[in-house]
Amino acid sequence: IGGQAAACEHRSVQRSARRTFLKAALRGPG
């Protein structure tokens, strides 16, 4: 259960990073 929780948290962090990155790319394509 602890391993599953850690994996879920890791995926959540990755999704947050991707969203933040894409927003920056769209905001400043140059």
All heavy atoms as atom14 arrays in JSON, in Angstrom:
{
  "sequence": "IGGQAAACEHRSVQRSARRTFLKAALRGPG",
  "atom14_mask": [
    [1, 1, 1, 1, 1, 1, 1, 1, 0, 0, 0, 0, 0, 0],
    [1, 1, 1, 1, 0, 0, 0, 0, 0, 0, 0, 0, 0, 0],
    [1, 1, 1, 1, 0, 0, 0, 0, 0, 0, 0, 0, 0, 0],
    [1, 1, 1, 1, 1, 1, 1, 1, 1, 0, 0, 0, 0, 0],
    [1, 1, 1, 1, 1, 0, 0, 0, 0, 0, 0, 0, 0, 0],
    [1, 1, 1, 1, 1, 0, 0, 0, 0, 0, 0, 0, 0, 0],
    [1, 1, 1, 1, 1, 0, 0, 0, 0, 0, 0, 0, 0, 0],
    [1, 1, 1, 1, 1, 1, 0, 0, 0, 0, 0, 0, 0, 0],
    [1, 1, 1, 1, 1, 1, 1, 1, 1, 0, 0, 0, 0, 0],
    [1, 1, 1, 1, 1, 1, 1, 1, 1, 1, 0, 0, 0, 0],
    [1, 1, 1, 1, 1, 1, 1, 1, 1, 1, 1, 0, 0, 0],
    [1, 1, 1, 1, 1, 1, 0, 0, 0, 0, 0, 0, 0, 0],
    [1, 1, 1, 1, 1, 1, 1, 0, 0, 0, 0, 0, 0, 0],
    [1, 1, 1, 1, 1, 1, 1, 1, 1, 0, 0, 0, 0, 0],
    [1, 1, 1, 1, 1, 1, 1, 1, 1, 1, 1, 0, 0, 0],
    [1, 1, 1, 1, 1, 1, 0, 0, 0, 0, 0, 0, 0, 0],
    [1, 1, 1, 1, 1, 0, 0, 0, 0, 0, 0, 0, 0, 0],
    [1, 1, 1, 1, 1, 1, 1, 1, 1, 1, 1, 0, 0, 0],
    [1, 1, 1, 1, 1, 1, 1, 1, 1, 1, 1, 0, 0, 0],
    [1, 1, 1, 1, 1, 1, 1, 0, 0, 0, 0, 0, 0, 0],
    [1, 1, 1, 1, 1, 1, 1, 1, 1, 1, 1, 0, 0, 0],
    [1, 1, 1, 1, 1, 1, 1, 1, 0, 0, 0, 0, 0, 0],
    [1, 1, 1, 1, 1, 1, 1, 1, 1, 0, 0, 0, 0, 0],
    [1, 1, 1, 1, 1, 0, 0, 0, 0, 0, 0, 0, 0, 0],
    [1, 1, 1, 1, 1, 0, 0, 0, 0, 0, 0, 0, 0, 0],
    [1, 1, 1, 1, 1, 1, 1, 1, 0, 0, 0, 0, 0, 0],
    [1, 1, 1, 1, 1, 1, 1, 1, 1, 1, 1, 0, 0, 0],
    [1, 1, 1, 1, 0, 0, 0, 0, 0, 0, 0, 0, 0, 0],
    [1, 1, 1, 1, 1, 1, 1, 0, 0, 0, 0, 0, 0, 0],
    [1, 1, 1, 1, 0, 0, 0, 0, 0, 0, 0, 0, 0, 0]
  ],
  "atom14_positions": [
    [[0.85, -1.2, 0.0], [0.0, 0.0, 0.0], [0.88, 1.25, 0.0], [0.63, 2.21, -0.72], [-0.93, 0.0, 1.22], [-1.95, -1.13, 1.09], [-1.64, 1.34, 1.35], [-2.86, -1.28, 2.3], [0.0, 0.0, 0.0], [0.0, 0.0, 0.0], [0.0, 0.0, 0.0], [0.0, 0.0, 0.0], [0.0, 0.0, 0.0], [0.0, 0.0, 0.0]],
    [[1.95, 1.2, 0.81], [2.86, 2.35, 0.85], [3.53, 2.57, -0.49], [3.7, 3.71, -0.93], [0.0, 0.0, 0.0], [0.0, 0.0, 0.0], [0.0, 0.0, 0.0], [0.0, 0.0, 0.0], [0.0, 0.0, 0.0], [0.0, 0.0, 0.0], [0.0, 0.0, 0.0], [0.0, 0.0, 0.0], [0.0, 0.0, 0.0], [0.0, 0.0, 0.0]],
    [[3.9, 1.47, -1.16], [4.52, 1.59, -2.47], [3.58, 2.18, -3.5], [3.97, 2.99, -4.33], [0.0, 0.0, 0.0], [0.0, 0.0, 0.0], [0.0, 0.0, 0.0], [0.0, 0.0, 0.0], [0.0, 0.0, 0.0], [0.0, 0.0, 0.0], [0.0, 0.0, 0.0], [0.0, 0.0, 0.0], [0.0, 0.0, 0.0], [0.0, 0.0, 0.0]],
    [[2.32, 1.77, -3.44], [1.32, 2.3, -4.38], [1.11, 3.78, -4.14], [0.97, 4.57, -5.09], [0.01, 1.54, -4.22], [0.06, 0.11, -4.74], [-1.22, -0.65, -4.44], [-1.97, -0.31, -3.52], [-1.47, -1.7, -5.2], [0.0, 0.0, 0.0], [0.0, 0.0, 0.0], [0.0, 0.0, 0.0], [0.0, 0.0, 0.0], [0.0, 0.0, 0.0]],
    [[1.08, 4.19, -2.86], [0.89, 5.61, -2.54], [2.06, 6.44, -3.06], [1.87, 7.53, -3.62], [0.75, 5.79, -1.04], [0.0, 0.0, 0.0], [0.0, 0.0, 0.0], [0.0, 0.0, 0.0], [0.0, 0.0, 0.0], [0.0, 0.0, 0.0], [0.0, 0.0, 0.0], [0.0, 0.0, 0.0], [0.0, 0.0, 0.0], [0.0, 0.0, 0.0]],
    [[3.28, 5.92, -2.9], [4.47, 6.63, -3.38], [4.45, 6.75, -4.9], [4.81, 7.79, -5.46], [5.74, 5.91, -2.92], [0.0, 0.0, 0.0], [0.0, 0.0, 0.0], [0.0, 0.0, 0.0], [0.0, 0.0, 0.0], [0.0, 0.0, 0.0], [0.0, 0.0, 0.0], [0.0, 0.0, 0.0], [0.0, 0.0, 0.0], [0.0, 0.0, 0.0]],
    [[4.03, 5.67, -5.57], [3.96, 5.69, -7.03], [2.93, 6.71, -7.51], [3.15, 7.43, -8.49], [3.62, 4.3, -7.56], [0.0, 0.0, 0.0], [0.0, 0.0, 0.0], [0.0, 0.0, 0.0], [0.0, 0.0, 0.0], [0.0, 0.0, 0.0], [0.0, 0.0, 0.0], [0.0, 0.0, 0.0], [0.0, 0.0, 0.0], [0.0, 0.0, 0.0]],
    [[1.79, 6.76, -6.82], [0.75, 7.73, -7.19], [1.23, 9.15, -7.0], [0.98, 10.04, -7.83], [-0.51, 7.49, -6.35], [-1.43, 6.01, -6.8], [0.0, 0.0, 0.0], [0.0, 0.0, 0.0], [0.0, 0.0, 0.0], [0.0, 0.0, 0.0], [0.0, 0.0, 0.0], [0.0, 0.0, 0.0], [0.0, 0.0, 0.0], [0.0, 0.0, 0.0]],
    [[1.96, 9.39, -5.89], [2.49, 10.72, -5.64], [3.51, 11.11, -6.72], [3.52, 12.26, -7.19], [3.15, 10.77, -4.26], [3.69, 12.16, -3.91], [4.31, 12.2, -2.53], [4.29, 11.16, -1.83], [4.82, 13.27, -2.15], [0.0, 0.0, 0.0], [0.0, 0.0, 0.0], [0.0, 0.0, 0.0], [0.0, 0.0, 0.0], [0.0, 0.0, 0.0]],
    [[4.35, 10.15, -7.11], [5.35, 10.42, -8.16], [4.67, 10.78, -9.47], [5.08, 11.73, -10.15], [6.24, 9.19, -8.34], [7.27, 9.35, -9.42], [8.33, 10.23, -9.32], [7.39, 8.75, -10.64], [9.06, 10.16, -10.41], [8.52, 9.27, -11.22], [0.0, 0.0, 0.0], [0.0, 0.0, 0.0], [0.0, 0.0, 0.0], [0.0, 0.0, 0.0]],
    [[3.63, 10.05, -9.83], [2.9, 10.35, -11.08], [2.25, 11.71, -11.0], [2.2, 12.46, -11.99], [1.87, 9.27, -11.35], [2.46, 7.94, -11.83], [1.39, 7.02, -12.41], [0.46, 6.6, -11.39], [0.6, 5.49, -10.66], [1.66, 4.72, -10.81], [-0.31, 5.15, -9.76], [0.0, 0.0, 0.0], [0.0, 0.0, 0.0], [0.0, 0.0, 0.0]],
    [[1.73, 12.06, -9.82], [1.1, 13.37, -9.65], [2.11, 14.49, -9.84], [1.83, 15.51, -10.48], [0.47, 13.46, -8.26], [-0.07, 14.74, -8.04], [0.0, 0.0, 0.0], [0.0, 0.0, 0.0], [0.0, 0.0, 0.0], [0.0, 0.0, 0.0], [0.0, 0.0, 0.0], [0.0, 0.0, 0.0], [0.0, 0.0, 0.0], [0.0, 0.0, 0.0]],
    [[3.32, 14.3, -9.29], [4.39, 15.3, -9.44], [4.77, 15.44, -10.91], [4.97, 16.55, -11.42], [5.61, 14.91, -8.6], [6.82, 15.79, -8.94], [5.29, 15.01, -7.11], [0.0, 0.0, 0.0], [0.0, 0.0, 0.0], [0.0, 0.0, 0.0], [0.0, 0.0, 0.0], [0.0, 0.0, 0.0], [0.0, 0.0, 0.0], [0.0, 0.0, 0.0]],
    [[4.86, 14.31, -11.61], [5.21, 14.35, -13.04], [4.15, 15.08, -13.84], [4.48, 15.88, -14.74], [5.39, 12.93, -13.57], [6.67, 12.25, -13.12], [6.83, 10.9, -13.77], [5.88, 10.11, -13.86], [8.04, 10.59, -14.22], [0.0, 0.0, 0.0], [0.0, 0.0, 0.0], [0.0, 0.0, 0.0], [0.0, 0.0, 0.0], [0.0, 0.0, 0.0]],
    [[2.87, 14.82, -13.55], [1.8, 15.51, -14.27], [1.84, 17.01, -14.0], [1.65, 17.83, -14.92], [0.45, 14.93, -13.86], [0.15, 13.55, -14.45], [-1.31, 13.2, -14.29], [-1.7, 13.06, -12.89], [-1.65, 11.94, -12.2], [-1.24, 10.82, -12.79], [-2.02, 11.9, -10.93], [0.0, 0.0, 0.0], [0.0, 0.0, 0.0], [0.0, 0.0, 0.0]],
    [[2.1, 17.38, -12.75], [2.19, 18.8, -12.41], [3.33, 19.47, -13.16], [3.19, 20.59, -13.68], [2.38, 18.96, -10.9], [2.58, 20.31, -10.56], [0.0, 0.0, 0.0], [0.0, 0.0, 0.0], [0.0, 0.0, 0.0], [0.0, 0.0, 0.0], [0.0, 0.0, 0.0], [0.0, 0.0, 0.0], [0.0, 0.0, 0.0], [0.0, 0.0, 0.0]],
    [[4.48, 18.78, -13.24], [5.63, 19.33, -13.95], [5.32, 19.5, -15.44], [5.67, 20.53, -16.04], [6.85, 18.43, -13.76], [0.0, 0.0, 0.0], [0.0, 0.0, 0.0], [0.0, 0.0, 0.0], [0.0, 0.0, 0.0], [0.0, 0.0, 0.0], [0.0, 0.0, 0.0], [0.0, 0.0, 0.0], [0.0, 0.0, 0.0], [0.0, 0.0, 0.0]],
    [[4.66, 18.5, -16.03], [4.32, 18.6, -17.46], [3.36, 19.76, -17.72], [3.51, 20.49, -18.7], [3.74, 17.28, -17.95], [4.77, 16.18, -18.17], [4.19, 15.04, -18.99], [3.14, 14.34, -18.27], [3.34, 13.27, -17.51], [4.56, 12.79, -17.35], [2.33, 12.68, -16.91], [0.0, 0.0, 0.0], [0.0, 0.0, 0.0], [0.0, 0.0, 0.0]],
    [[2.36, 19.92, -16.85], [1.4, 21.02, -17.02], [2.11, 22.38, -16.92], [1.87, 23.28, -17.73], [0.3, 20.93, -15.98], [-0.74, 19.85, -16.24], [-1.97, 20.08, -15.39], [-1.66, 20.06, -13.97], [-1.71, 18.98, -13.2], [-2.03, 17.81, -13.74], [-1.42, 19.04, -11.91], [0.0, 0.0, 0.0], [0.0, 0.0, 0.0], [0.0, 0.0, 0.0]],
    [[2.96, 22.5, -15.92], [3.69, 23.76, -15.73], [4.59, 24.04, -16.93], [4.66, 25.17, -17.42], [4.54, 23.69, -14.45], [3.67, 23.44, -13.33], [5.28, 24.99, -14.22], [0.0, 0.0, 0.0], [0.0, 0.0, 0.0], [0.0, 0.0, 0.0], [0.0, 0.0, 0.0], [0.0, 0.0, 0.0], [0.0, 0.0, 0.0], [0.0, 0.0, 0.0]],
    [[5.27, 23.01, -17.42], [6.17, 23.15, -18.56], [5.4, 23.58, -19.81], [5.81, 24.49, -20.53], [6.9, 21.84, -18.8], [8.04, 21.95, -19.77], [9.31, 22.24, -19.34], [7.83, 21.78, -21.13], [10.37, 22.35, -20.23], [8.86, 21.88, -22.03], [10.14, 22.17, -21.58], [0.0, 0.0, 0.0], [0.0, 0.0, 0.0], [0.0, 0.0, 0.0]],
    [[4.28, 22.92, -20.08], [3.5, 23.24, -21.27], [2.94, 24.65, -21.21], [2.9, 25.36, -22.22], [2.37, 22.22, -21.45], [2.8, 20.83, -21.92], [1.63, 19.86, -21.88], [3.38, 20.91, -23.34], [0.0, 0.0, 0.0], [0.0, 0.0, 0.0], [0.0, 0.0, 0.0], [0.0, 0.0, 0.0], [0.0, 0.0, 0.0], [0.0, 0.0, 0.0]],
    [[2.5, 25.08, -20.03], [2.01, 26.45, -19.88], [3.11, 27.45, -20.2], [2.88, 28.45, -20.88], [1.5, 26.67, -18.46], [0.18, 26.0, -18.16], [-0.24, 26.24, -16.71], [-1.55, 25.55, -16.38], [-1.92, 25.74, -14.95], [0.0, 0.0, 0.0], [0.0, 0.0, 0.0], [0.0, 0.0, 0.0], [0.0, 0.0, 0.0], [0.0, 0.0, 0.0]],
    [[4.33, 27.17, -19.72], [5.45, 28.06, -20.0], [5.77, 28.08, -21.49], [6.07, 29.13, -22.07], [6.68, 27.62, -19.2], [0.0, 0.0, 0.0], [0.0, 0.0, 0.0], [0.0, 0.0, 0.0], [0.0, 0.0, 0.0], [0.0, 0.0, 0.0], [0.0, 0.0, 0.0], [0.0, 0.0, 0.0], [0.0, 0.0, 0.0], [0.0, 0.0, 0.0]],
    [[5.7, 26.91, -22.14], [5.99, 26.82, -23.57], [4.96, 27.6, -24.39], [5.31, 28.27, -25.37], [6.01, 25.36, -24.0], [0.0, 0.0, 0.0], [0.0, 0.0, 0.0], [0.0, 0.0, 0.0], [0.0, 0.0, 0.0], [0.0, 0.0, 0.0], [0.0, 0.0, 0.0], [0.0, 0.0, 0.0], [0.0, 0.0, 0.0], [0.0, 0.0, 0.0]],
    [[3.71, 27.51, -24.0], [2.66, 28.23, -24.71], [2.74, 29.73, -24.46], [2.47, 30.54, -25.34], [1.28, 27.71, -24.29], [0.96, 26.27, -24.72], [-0.33, 25.8, -24.06], [0.84, 26.18, -26.24], [0.0, 0.0, 0.0], [0.0, 0.0, 0.0], [0.0, 0.0, 0.0], [0.0, 0.0, 0.0], [0.0, 0.0, 0.0], [0.0, 0.0, 0.0]],
    [[3.15, 30.08, -23.24], [3.23, 31.5, -22.88], [4.42, 32.17, -23.52], [4.37, 33.35, -23.9], [3.32, 31.6, -21.35], [3.23, 33.01, -20.8], [3.13, 33.0, -19.28], [4.26, 32.31, -18.67], [4.17, 31.13, -18.05], [3.02, 30.5, -17.97], [5.24, 30.55, -17.51], [0.0, 0.0, 0.0], [0.0, 0.0, 0.0], [0.0, 0.0, 0.0]],
    [[5.53, 31.42, -23.66], [6.74, 32.01, -24.21], [7.4, 31.1, -25.22], [8.47, 30.53, -24.94], [0.0, 0.0, 0.0], [0.0, 0.0, 0.0], [0.0, 0.0, 0.0], [0.0, 0.0, 0.0], [0.0, 0.0, 0.0], [0.0, 0.0, 0.0], [0.0, 0.0, 0.0], [0.0, 0.0, 0.0], [0.0, 0.0, 0.0], [0.0, 0.0, 0.0]],
    [[6.81, 30.89, -26.39], [7.38, 29.97, -27.39], [8.76, 30.38, -27.87], [9.5, 29.56, -28.41], [6.35, 30.01, -28.53], [5.63, 31.31, -28.35], [5.57, 31.55, -26.88], [0.0, 0.0, 0.0], [0.0, 0.0, 0.0], [0.0, 0.0, 0.0], [0.0, 0.0, 0.0], [0.0, 0.0, 0.0], [0.0, 0.0, 0.0], [0.0, 0.0, 0.0]],
    [[9.13, 31.63, -27.68], [10.45, 32.08, -28.09], [11.53, 31.82, -27.07], [12.71, 32.01, -27.34], [0.0, 0.0, 0.0], [0.0, 0.0, 0.0], [0.0, 0.0, 0.0], [0.0, 0.0, 0.0], [0.0, 0.0, 0.0], [0.0, 0.0, 0.0], [0.0, 0.0, 0.0], [0.0, 0.0, 0.0], [0.0, 0.0, 0.0], [0.0, 0.0, 0.0]]
  ]
}
